[in-house]
């Protein structure tokens, strides 16, 4: 047995043991590989005592929700959706660097009510050890709400998660990270449903051109496109059609970020 497979096997054993020690659980299922792995393991280790729950709002792309539902059906997971209303909160719409706190606070409030209704003791999320290195106000909201993060407690990295997800043949194993649409809007600019729709439609169009790992950052009248640096030369060939389409969506200027795709790039101006 090679080192990688042994490490994945050990992690799987620890995660299954962790999940099996819980009497019952609600999994906050965002659709990413992290929470998907937890939902799958929870369903296997706690049959009839595990529920995966997804919060629905304008910040969740419709395709993401379709993918989540398909994943749950494919893996026979009990899945519930709840409508969240973070856009009604001024603290969320103001879009400070702590915006995620207010979103997660809203979500966890719904999950606490649902857990109480179903007499479920524990709520968990998919935060992993690598997440703690960045600015994560959403994790603070989890701590404040008593939500547990098994992957943090087990010191599991993103690599550990993806490796195990592939080992278990989960359909989400290679799924790119996809934070909510509000994360595309520059801090200080109000989050609105209209902007979120612009971003969703813009990113969906870019993906039809073959750019699967893409971010459309919203800077007022400017659309700033991020894709991996190795794909920059490819997107130039689509410059005219991209410019025309994003102008039709309401952007005045369409730009390509030569720094390439990077998570949390909107924090760069805050940390500069």
C-alpha atoms as a PDB file:
ATOM      1  CA  UNK A   1       0.000   0.000   0.000  1.00  0.00           C
ATOM      2  CA  UNK A   2       1.503   3.364  -0.986  1.00  0.00           C
ATOM      3  CA  UNK A   3       1.716   6.339   1.359  1.00  0.00           C
ATOM      4  CA  UNK A   4      -1.137   8.253  -0.310  1.00  0.00           C
ATOM      5  CA  UNK A   5      -3.639   5.389  -0.123  1.00  0.00           C
ATOM      6  CA  UNK A   6      -2.622   4.626   3.473  1.00  0.00           C
ATOM      7  CA  UNK A   7      -3.123   8.278   4.439  1.00  0.00           C
ATOM      8  CA  UNK A   8      -6.556   8.365   2.772  1.00  0.00           C
ATOM      9  CA  UNK A   9      -7.534   5.119   4.463  1.00  0.00           C
ATOM     10  CA  UNK A  10      -6.485   6.468   7.858  1.00  0.00           C
ATOM     11  CA  UNK A  11      -8.384   9.715   7.303  1.00  0.00           C
ATOM     12  CA  UNK A  12     -11.471   7.800   6.209  1.00  0.00           C
ATOM     13  CA  UNK A  13     -11.307   5.646   9.330  1.00  0.00           C
ATOM     14  CA  UNK A  14     -11.023   8.709  11.583  1.00  0.00           C
ATOM     15  CA  UNK A  15     -13.835  10.533   9.810  1.00  0.00           C
ATOM     16  CA  UNK A  16     -16.172   7.546   9.945  1.00  0.00           C
ATOM     17  CA  UNK A  17     -15.379   7.062  13.630  1.00  0.00           C
ATOM     18  CA  UNK A  18     -16.020  10.754  14.304  1.00  0.00           C
ATOM     19  CA  UNK A  19     -19.343  10.713  12.464  1.00  0.00           C
ATOM     20  CA  UNK A  20     -20.429   7.450  14.050  1.00  0.00           C
ATOM     21  CA  UNK A  21     -19.868   8.935  17.516  1.00  0.00           C
ATOM     22  CA  UNK A  22     -22.597  11.528  16.925  1.00  0.00           C
ATOM     23  CA  UNK A  23     -26.163  10.541  17.831  1.00  0.00           C
ATOM     24  CA  UNK A  24     -27.599  12.535  14.911  1.00  0.00           C
ATOM     25  CA  UNK A  25     -26.459  15.309  12.612  1.00  0.00           C
ATOM     26  CA  UNK A  26     -27.457  18.146  10.300  1.00  0.00           C
ATOM     27  CA  UNK A  27     -24.869  18.776   7.582  1.00  0.00           C
ATOM     28  CA  UNK A  28     -24.713  22.299   6.130  1.00  0.00           C
ATOM     29  CA  UNK A  29     -24.377  21.256   2.482  1.00  0.00           C
ATOM     30  CA  UNK A  30     -23.058  24.041   0.264  1.00  0.00           C
ATOM     31  CA  UNK A  31     -22.337  21.732  -2.665  1.00  0.00           C
ATOM     32  CA  UNK A  32     -18.555  21.893  -2.425  1.00  0.00           C
ATOM     33  CA  UNK A  33     -16.469  18.750  -2.072  1.00  0.00           C
ATOM     34  CA  UNK A  34     -15.883  19.397   1.656  1.00  0.00           C
ATOM     35  CA  UNK A  35     -19.505  19.441   2.825  1.00  0.00           C
ATOM     36  CA  UNK A  36     -20.418  16.819   0.209  1.00  0.00           C
ATOM     37  CA  UNK A  37     -17.903  14.394   1.702  1.00  0.00           C
ATOM     38  CA  UNK A  38     -19.326  14.973   5.178  1.00  0.00           C
ATOM     39  CA  UNK A  39     -22.891  14.486   3.948  1.00  0.00           C
ATOM     40  CA  UNK A  40     -21.998  11.206   2.244  1.00  0.00           C
ATOM     41  CA  UNK A  41     -20.145   9.828   5.276  1.00  0.00           C
ATOM     42  CA  UNK A  42     -22.876  11.000   7.655  1.00  0.00           C
ATOM     43  CA  UNK A  43     -25.528   9.263   5.584  1.00  0.00           C
ATOM     44  CA  UNK A  44     -23.556   6.001   5.659  1.00  0.00           C
ATOM     45  CA  UNK A  45     -22.602   6.086   9.331  1.00  0.00           C
ATOM     46  CA  UNK A  46     -25.869   7.521  10.654  1.00  0.00           C
ATOM     47  CA  UNK A  47     -28.637   6.079   8.475  1.00  0.00           C
ATOM     48  CA  UNK A  48     -31.968   7.786   9.196  1.00  0.00           C
ATOM     49  CA  UNK A  49     -30.187  10.142  11.619  1.00  0.00           C
ATOM     50  CA  UNK A  50     -28.463  12.477   9.148  1.00  0.00           C
ATOM     51  CA  UNK A  51     -29.952  15.310   7.094  1.00  0.00           C
ATOM     52  CA  UNK A  52     -28.126  17.454   4.532  1.00  0.00           C
ATOM     53  CA  UNK A  53     -29.479  21.011   4.392  1.00  0.00           C
ATOM     54  CA  UNK A  54     -28.827  23.708   1.801  1.00  0.00           C
ATOM     55  CA  UNK A  55     -29.683  27.377   2.208  1.00  0.00           C
ATOM     56  CA  UNK A  56     -31.247  28.967  -0.874  1.00  0.00           C
ATOM     57  CA  UNK A  57     -31.028  32.662  -1.711  1.00  0.00           C
ATOM     58  CA  UNK A  58     -30.142  34.911  -4.653  1.00  0.00           C
ATOM     59  CA  UNK A  59     -26.452  34.366  -3.891  1.00  0.00           C
ATOM     60  CA  UNK A  60     -26.664  30.662  -4.830  1.00  0.00           C
ATOM     61  CA  UNK A  61     -26.504  30.075  -8.611  1.00  0.00           C
ATOM     62  CA  UNK A  62     -29.374  27.983  -9.933  1.00  0.00           C
ATOM     63  CA  UNK A  63     -26.921  25.569 -11.560  1.00  0.00           C
ATOM     64  CA  UNK A  64     -25.221  25.057  -8.196  1.00  0.00           C
ATOM     65  CA  UNK A  65     -28.543  24.084  -6.645  1.00  0.00           C
ATOM     66  CA  UNK A  66     -29.235  21.680  -9.493  1.00  0.00           C
ATOM     67  CA  UNK A  67     -25.821  20.095  -8.970  1.00  0.00           C
ATOM     68  CA  UNK A  68     -26.444  19.748  -5.228  1.00  0.00           C
ATOM     69  CA  UNK A  69     -29.795  18.059  -5.797  1.00  0.00           C
ATOM     70  CA  UNK A  70     -28.275  15.727  -8.363  1.00  0.00           C
ATOM     71  CA  UNK A  71     -25.468  14.828  -5.961  1.00  0.00           C
ATOM     72  CA  UNK A  72     -27.926  14.010  -3.186  1.00  0.00           C
ATOM     73  CA  UNK A  73     -30.050  11.894  -5.499  1.00  0.00           C
ATOM     74  CA  UNK A  74     -27.001  10.075  -6.863  1.00  0.00           C
ATOM     75  CA  UNK A  75     -25.780   9.207  -3.383  1.00  0.00           C
ATOM     76  CA  UNK A  76     -29.210   8.615  -1.801  1.00  0.00           C
ATOM     77  CA  UNK A  77     -28.812  11.446   0.727  1.00  0.00           C
ATOM     78  CA  UNK A  78     -31.739  12.905   2.661  1.00  0.00           C
ATOM     79  CA  UNK A  79     -31.750  16.556   1.574  1.00  0.00           C
ATOM     80  CA  UNK A  80     -33.739  19.587   2.686  1.00  0.00           C
ATOM     81  CA  UNK A  81     -33.567  23.175   1.423  1.00  0.00           C
ATOM     82  CA  UNK A  82     -34.349  26.283   3.455  1.00  0.00           C
ATOM     83  CA  UNK A  83     -34.804  29.823   2.190  1.00  0.00           C
ATOM     84  CA  UNK A  84     -32.450  32.331   3.782  1.00  0.00           C
ATOM     85  CA  UNK A  85     -32.991  36.091   3.774  1.00  0.00           C
ATOM     86  CA  UNK A  86     -29.576  37.638   4.338  1.00  0.00           C
ATOM     87  CA  UNK A  87     -30.278  40.232   1.624  1.00  0.00           C
ATOM     88  CA  UNK A  88     -32.864  41.774   3.936  1.00  0.00           C
ATOM     89  CA  UNK A  89     -30.126  42.561   6.442  1.00  0.00           C
ATOM     90  CA  UNK A  90     -28.406  45.934   6.072  1.00  0.00           C
ATOM     91  CA  UNK A  91     -25.275  44.484   7.681  1.00  0.00           C
ATOM     92  CA  UNK A  92     -25.057  41.956   4.840  1.00  0.00           C
ATOM     93  CA  UNK A  93     -25.954  44.318   1.992  1.00  0.00           C
ATOM     94  CA  UNK A  94     -23.313  46.822   3.139  1.00  0.00           C
ATOM     95  CA  UNK A  95     -20.742  44.247   2.053  1.00  0.00           C
ATOM     96  CA  UNK A  96     -17.899  44.735   4.496  1.00  0.00           C
ATOM     97  CA  UNK A  97     -15.077  42.148   4.696  1.00  0.00           C
ATOM     98  CA  UNK A  98     -17.155  40.485   7.444  1.00  0.00           C
ATOM     99  CA  UNK A  99     -20.151  39.975   5.145  1.00  0.00           C
ATOM    100  CA  UNK A 100     -19.895  36.171   5.381  1.00  0.00           C
ATOM    101  CA  UNK A 101     -20.503  36.325   9.118  1.00  0.00           C
ATOM    102  CA  UNK A 102     -24.007  37.705   8.615  1.00  0.00           C
ATOM    103  CA  UNK A 103     -24.797  35.191   5.870  1.00  0.00           C
ATOM    104  CA  UNK A 104     -23.726  32.220   7.993  1.00  0.00           C
ATOM    105  CA  UNK A 105     -25.446  33.643  11.060  1.00  0.00           C
ATOM    106  CA  UNK A 106     -28.686  33.679   9.066  1.00  0.00           C
ATOM    107  CA  UNK A 107     -28.137  30.148   7.757  1.00  0.00           C
ATOM    108  CA  UNK A 108     -27.197  28.656  11.116  1.00  0.00           C
ATOM    109  CA  UNK A 109     -30.273  30.199  12.707  1.00  0.00           C
ATOM    110  CA  UNK A 110     -32.406  28.217  10.261  1.00  0.00           C
ATOM    111  CA  UNK A 111     -30.369  25.056  10.831  1.00  0.00           C
ATOM    112  CA  UNK A 112     -30.752  25.382  14.605  1.00  0.00           C
ATOM    113  CA  UNK A 113     -34.532  25.589  14.201  1.00  0.00           C
ATOM    114  CA  UNK A 114     -34.550  22.624  11.856  1.00  0.00           C
ATOM    115  CA  UNK A 115     -32.333  20.576  14.170  1.00  0.00           C
ATOM    116  CA  UNK A 116     -34.654  21.307  17.069  1.00  0.00           C
ATOM    117  CA  UNK A 117     -37.680  20.321  14.986  1.00  0.00           C
ATOM    118  CA  UNK A 118     -36.109  16.971  14.050  1.00  0.00           C
ATOM    119  CA  UNK A 119     -34.537  16.449  17.489  1.00  0.00           C
ATOM    120  CA  UNK A 120     -31.022  16.438  16.048  1.00  0.00           C
ATOM    121  CA  UNK A 121     -28.174  17.232  18.404  1.00  0.00           C
ATOM    122  CA  UNK A 122     -25.303  18.357  16.200  1.00  0.00           C
ATOM    123  CA  UNK A 123     -24.850  20.712  13.237  1.00  0.00           C
ATOM    124  CA  UNK A 124     -21.662  20.429  11.187  1.00  0.00           C
ATOM    125  CA  UNK A 125     -20.105  22.329   8.292  1.00  0.00           C
ATOM    126  CA  UNK A 126     -17.373  21.639   5.738  1.00  0.00           C
ATOM    127  CA  UNK A 127     -14.693  24.040   6.945  1.00  0.00           C
ATOM    128  CA  UNK A 128     -11.288  22.328   6.706  1.00  0.00           C
ATOM    129  CA  UNK A 129      -7.914  23.052   8.266  1.00  0.00           C
ATOM    130  CA  UNK A 130      -6.581  25.048   5.280  1.00  0.00           C
ATOM    131  CA  UNK A 131      -9.541  27.446   5.559  1.00  0.00           C
ATOM    132  CA  UNK A 132      -8.263  28.767   8.874  1.00  0.00           C
ATOM    133  CA  UNK A 133      -5.300  30.418   7.135  1.00  0.00           C
ATOM    134  CA  UNK A 134      -7.440  33.114   5.526  1.00  0.00           C
ATOM    135  CA  UNK A 135     -10.046  35.676   6.565  1.00  0.00           C
ATOM    136  CA  UNK A 136     -12.979  33.466   7.552  1.00  0.00           C
ATOM    137  CA  UNK A 137     -15.729  35.398   9.365  1.00  0.00           C
ATOM    138  CA  UNK A 138     -18.117  32.606   8.398  1.00  0.00           C
ATOM    139  CA  UNK A 139     -16.159  30.213  10.595  1.00  0.00           C
ATOM    140  CA  UNK A 140     -16.512  32.606  13.503  1.00  0.00           C
ATOM    141  CA  UNK A 141     -20.279  32.558  12.940  1.00  0.00           C
ATOM    142  CA  UNK A 142     -20.138  28.762  13.112  1.00  0.00           C
ATOM    143  CA  UNK A 143     -18.253  28.884  16.406  1.00  0.00           C
ATOM    144  CA  UNK A 144     -20.726  31.404  17.817  1.00  0.00           C
ATOM    145  CA  UNK A 145     -23.656  29.191  16.781  1.00  0.00           C
ATOM    146  CA  UNK A 146     -22.122  26.020  18.206  1.00  0.00           C
ATOM    147  CA  UNK A 147     -21.649  24.485  14.758  1.00  0.00           C
ATOM    148  CA  UNK A 148     -18.867  21.915  14.636  1.00  0.00           C
ATOM    149  CA  UNK A 149     -16.273  21.538  11.868  1.00  0.00           C
ATOM    150  CA  UNK A 150     -15.137  17.885  11.765  1.00  0.00           C
ATOM    151  CA  UNK A 151     -12.484  18.509   9.128  1.00  0.00           C
ATOM    152  CA  UNK A 152     -10.885  21.179  11.310  1.00  0.00           C
ATOM    153  CA  UNK A 153     -11.073  18.958  14.380  1.00  0.00           C
ATOM    154  CA  UNK A 154      -9.382  16.157  12.430  1.00  0.00           C
ATOM    155  CA  UNK A 155      -6.799  18.581  10.967  1.00  0.00           C
ATOM    156  CA  UNK A 156      -7.818  17.565   7.441  1.00  0.00           C
ATOM    157  CA  UNK A 157      -6.522  19.615   4.506  1.00  0.00           C
ATOM    158  CA  UNK A 158      -8.217  20.286   1.170  1.00  0.00           C
ATOM    159  CA  UNK A 159      -5.916  17.692  -0.358  1.00  0.00           C
ATOM    160  CA  UNK A 160      -7.058  15.124   2.205  1.00  0.00           C
ATOM    161  CA  UNK A 161     -10.680  15.865   1.390  1.00  0.00           C
ATOM    162  CA  UNK A 162     -10.289  15.598  -2.385  1.00  0.00           C
ATOM    163  CA  UNK A 163      -8.206  12.422  -2.103  1.00  0.00           C
ATOM    164  CA  UNK A 164     -10.838  10.703   0.032  1.00  0.00           C
ATOM    165  CA  UNK A 165     -13.694  11.970  -2.142  1.00  0.00           C
ATOM    166  CA  UNK A 166     -11.997  10.399  -5.182  1.00  0.00           C
ATOM    167  CA  UNK A 167     -11.396   7.197  -3.227  1.00  0.00           C
ATOM    168  CA  UNK A 168     -15.137   7.036  -2.477  1.00  0.00           C
ATOM    169  CA  UNK A 169     -16.053   7.908  -6.089  1.00  0.00           C
ATOM    170  CA  UNK A 170     -18.065  10.951  -5.052  1.00  0.00           C
ATOM    171  CA  UNK A 171     -19.329  12.926  -8.039  1.00  0.00           C
ATOM    172  CA  UNK A 172     -18.146  16.147  -6.364  1.00  0.00           C
ATOM    173  CA  UNK A 173     -14.522  14.979  -6.003  1.00  0.00           C
ATOM    174  CA  UNK A 174     -13.145  17.232  -8.749  1.00  0.00           C
ATOM    175  CA  UNK A 175     -15.662  20.019  -8.316  1.00  0.00           C
ATOM    176  CA  UNK A 176     -13.993  23.472  -8.314  1.00  0.00           C
ATOM    177  CA  UNK A 177     -14.522  25.656  -5.256  1.00  0.00           C
ATOM    178  CA  UNK A 178     -17.523  27.908  -5.756  1.00  0.00           C
ATOM    179  CA  UNK A 179     -18.201  30.491  -3.041  1.00  0.00           C
ATOM    180  CA  UNK A 180     -21.483  32.394  -3.135  1.00  0.00           C
ATOM    181  CA  UNK A 181     -22.086  35.022  -5.806  1.00  0.00           C
ATOM    182  CA  UNK A 182     -21.828  37.859  -3.283  1.00  0.00           C
ATOM    183  CA  UNK A 183     -18.136  37.054  -2.926  1.00  0.00           C
ATOM    184  CA  UNK A 184     -17.654  38.494  -6.426  1.00  0.00           C
ATOM    185  CA  UNK A 185     -18.786  42.006  -5.455  1.00  0.00           C
ATOM    186  CA  UNK A 186     -16.066  44.449  -4.383  1.00  0.00           C
ATOM    187  CA  UNK A 187     -16.207  45.275  -0.677  1.00  0.00           C
ATOM    188  CA  UNK A 188     -18.082  48.469   0.085  1.00  0.00           C
ATOM    189  CA  UNK A 189     -20.403  48.115  -2.902  1.00  0.00           C
ATOM    190  CA  UNK A 190     -23.939  47.122  -1.958  1.00  0.00           C
ATOM    191  CA  UNK A 191     -25.041  43.553  -2.565  1.00  0.00           C
ATOM    192  CA  UNK A 192     -28.306  43.470  -4.542  1.00  0.00           C
ATOM    193  CA  UNK A 193     -30.260  40.784  -6.349  1.00  0.00           C
ATOM    194  CA  UNK A 194     -29.729  42.626  -9.636  1.00  0.00           C
ATOM    195  CA  UNK A 195     -25.933  42.489  -9.276  1.00  0.00           C
ATOM    196  CA  UNK A 196     -26.019  38.837  -8.273  1.00  0.00           C
ATOM    197  CA  UNK A 197     -28.063  38.023 -11.372  1.00  0.00           C
ATOM    198  CA  UNK A 198     -25.590  39.913 -13.576  1.00  0.00           C
ATOM    199  CA  UNK A 199     -22.705  37.947 -12.111  1.00  0.00           C
ATOM    200  CA  UNK A 200     -24.492  34.605 -12.384  1.00  0.00           C
ATOM    201  CA  UNK A 201     -25.418  35.160 -16.025  1.00  0.00           C
ATOM    202  CA  UNK A 202     -21.940  36.462 -16.862  1.00  0.00           C
ATOM    203  CA  UNK A 203     -20.116  33.518 -15.295  1.00  0.00           C
ATOM    204  CA  UNK A 204     -22.531  31.044 -16.859  1.00  0.00           C
ATOM    205  CA  UNK A 205     -21.740  32.503 -20.285  1.00  0.00           C
ATOM    206  CA  UNK A 206     -17.977  32.331 -19.719  1.00  0.00           C
ATOM    207  CA  UNK A 207     -18.319  28.678 -18.745  1.00  0.00           C
ATOM    208  CA  UNK A 208     -20.095  27.926 -22.022  1.00  0.00           C
ATOM    209  CA  UNK A 209     -16.894  29.069 -23.732  1.00  0.00           C
ATOM    210  CA  UNK A 210     -14.946  26.376 -21.910  1.00  0.00           C
ATOM    211  CA  UNK A 211     -13.605  28.334 -18.935  1.00  0.00           C
ATOM    212  CA  UNK A 212     -14.710  26.161 -16.021  1.00  0.00           C
ATOM    213  CA  UNK A 213     -12.624  27.840 -13.304  1.00  0.00           C
ATOM    214  CA  UNK A 214     -13.670  31.455 -13.592  1.00  0.00           C
ATOM    215  CA  UNK A 215     -14.652  34.421 -11.457  1.00  0.00           C
ATOM    216  CA  UNK A 216     -16.483  37.516 -12.630  1.00  0.00           C
ATOM    217  CA  UNK A 217     -15.596  40.212 -10.110  1.00  0.00           C
ATOM    218  CA  UNK A 218     -18.036  43.112  -9.866  1.00  0.00           C
ATOM    219  CA  UNK A 219     -16.491  46.598  -9.544  1.00  0.00           C
ATOM    220  CA  UNK A 220     -19.442  48.931 -10.158  1.00  0.00           C
ATOM    221  CA  UNK A 221     -19.435  49.424 -13.955  1.00  0.00           C
ATOM    222  CA  UNK A 222     -16.402  47.165 -14.402  1.00  0.00           C
ATOM    223  CA  UNK A 223     -16.441  43.395 -14.883  1.00  0.00           C
ATOM    224  CA  UNK A 224     -13.041  41.930 -13.945  1.00  0.00           C
ATOM    225  CA  UNK A 225     -12.553  38.411 -15.237  1.00  0.00           C
ATOM    226  CA  UNK A 226     -10.250  35.969 -13.449  1.00  0.00           C
ATOM    227  CA  UNK A 227      -9.231  32.661 -15.019  1.00  0.00           C
ATOM    228  CA  UNK A 228      -6.117  30.515 -14.479  1.00  0.00           C
ATOM    229  CA  UNK A 229      -3.030  32.195 -15.954  1.00  0.00           C
ATOM    230  CA  UNK A 230      -2.376  29.298 -18.313  1.00  0.00           C
ATOM    231  CA  UNK A 231      -5.733  30.034 -19.993  1.00  0.00           C
ATOM    232  CA  UNK A 232      -5.194  33.776 -20.509  1.00  0.00           C
ATOM    233  CA  UNK A 233      -4.055  33.376 -24.101  1.00  0.00           C
ATOM    234  CA  UNK A 234      -7.129  31.273 -24.896  1.00  0.00           C
ATOM    235  CA  UNK A 235      -9.648  33.827 -23.696  1.00  0.00           C
ATOM    236  CA  UNK A 236      -8.264  36.551 -25.933  1.00  0.00           C
ATOM    237  CA  UNK A 237      -9.714  34.740 -28.927  1.00  0.00           C
ATOM    238  CA  UNK A 238     -13.167  35.242 -27.406  1.00  0.00           C
ATOM    239  CA  UNK A 239     -12.598  38.912 -26.508  1.00  0.00           C
ATOM    240  CA  UNK A 240     -15.180  40.391 -28.864  1.00  0.00           C
ATOM    241  CA  UNK A 241     -18.039  38.056 -27.969  1.00  0.00           C
ATOM    242  CA  UNK A 242     -17.291  38.331 -24.233  1.00  0.00           C
ATOM    243  CA  UNK A 243     -17.169  42.124 -24.411  1.00  0.00           C
ATOM    244  CA  UNK A 244     -20.455  42.258 -26.303  1.00  0.00           C
ATOM    245  CA  UNK A 245     -22.242  39.829 -23.984  1.00  0.00           C
ATOM    246  CA  UNK A 246     -21.123  41.436 -20.720  1.00  0.00           C
ATOM    247  CA  UNK A 247     -22.004  44.891 -22.057  1.00  0.00           C
ATOM    248  CA  UNK A 248     -25.485  43.567 -22.771  1.00  0.00           C
ATOM    249  CA  UNK A 249     -25.668  42.434 -19.136  1.00  0.00           C
ATOM    250  CA  UNK A 250     -25.064  46.016 -18.017  1.00  0.00           C
ATOM    251  CA  UNK A 251     -21.298  46.346 -17.545  1.00  0.00           C
ATOM    252  CA  UNK A 252     -19.663  49.413 -19.078  1.00  0.00           C
ATOM    253  CA  UNK A 253     -16.106  48.072 -19.041  1.00  0.00           C
ATOM    254  CA  UNK A 254     -14.898  44.481 -19.375  1.00  0.00           C
ATOM    255  CA  UNK A 255     -11.384  43.690 -18.150  1.00  0.00           C
ATOM    256  CA  UNK A 256      -9.149  40.627 -17.875  1.00  0.00           C
ATOM    257  CA  UNK A 257      -7.060  40.289 -14.712  1.00  0.00           C
ATOM    258  CA  UNK A 258      -3.498  39.408 -15.774  1.00  0.00           C
ATOM    259  CA  UNK A 259      -2.843  38.080 -12.277  1.00  0.00           C
ATOM    260  CA  UNK A 260      -5.112  35.152 -13.100  1.00  0.00           C
ATOM    261  CA  UNK A 261      -7.606  33.297 -10.941  1.00  0.00           C
ATOM    262  CA  UNK A 262      -7.055  33.498  -7.189  1.00  0.00           C
ATOM    263  CA  UNK A 263      -9.326  32.919  -4.247  1.00  0.00           C
ATOM    264  CA  UNK A 264     -10.124  35.951  -2.122  1.00  0.00           C
ATOM    265  CA  UNK A 265      -8.675  38.504  -4.519  1.00  0.00           C
ATOM    266  CA  UNK A 266     -11.144  41.174  -3.363  1.00  0.00           C
ATOM    267  CA  UNK A 267      -9.388  41.157   0.015  1.00  0.00           C
ATOM    268  CA  UNK A 268      -6.159  42.353  -1.615  1.00  0.00           C
ATOM    269  CA  UNK A 269      -7.249  45.988  -1.607  1.00  0.00           C
ATOM    270  CA  UNK A 270      -8.323  45.685   2.041  1.00  0.00           C
ATOM    271  CA  UNK A 271      -5.027  44.111   3.110  1.00  0.00           C
ATOM    272  CA  UNK A 272      -2.818  46.345   0.949  1.00  0.00           C
END
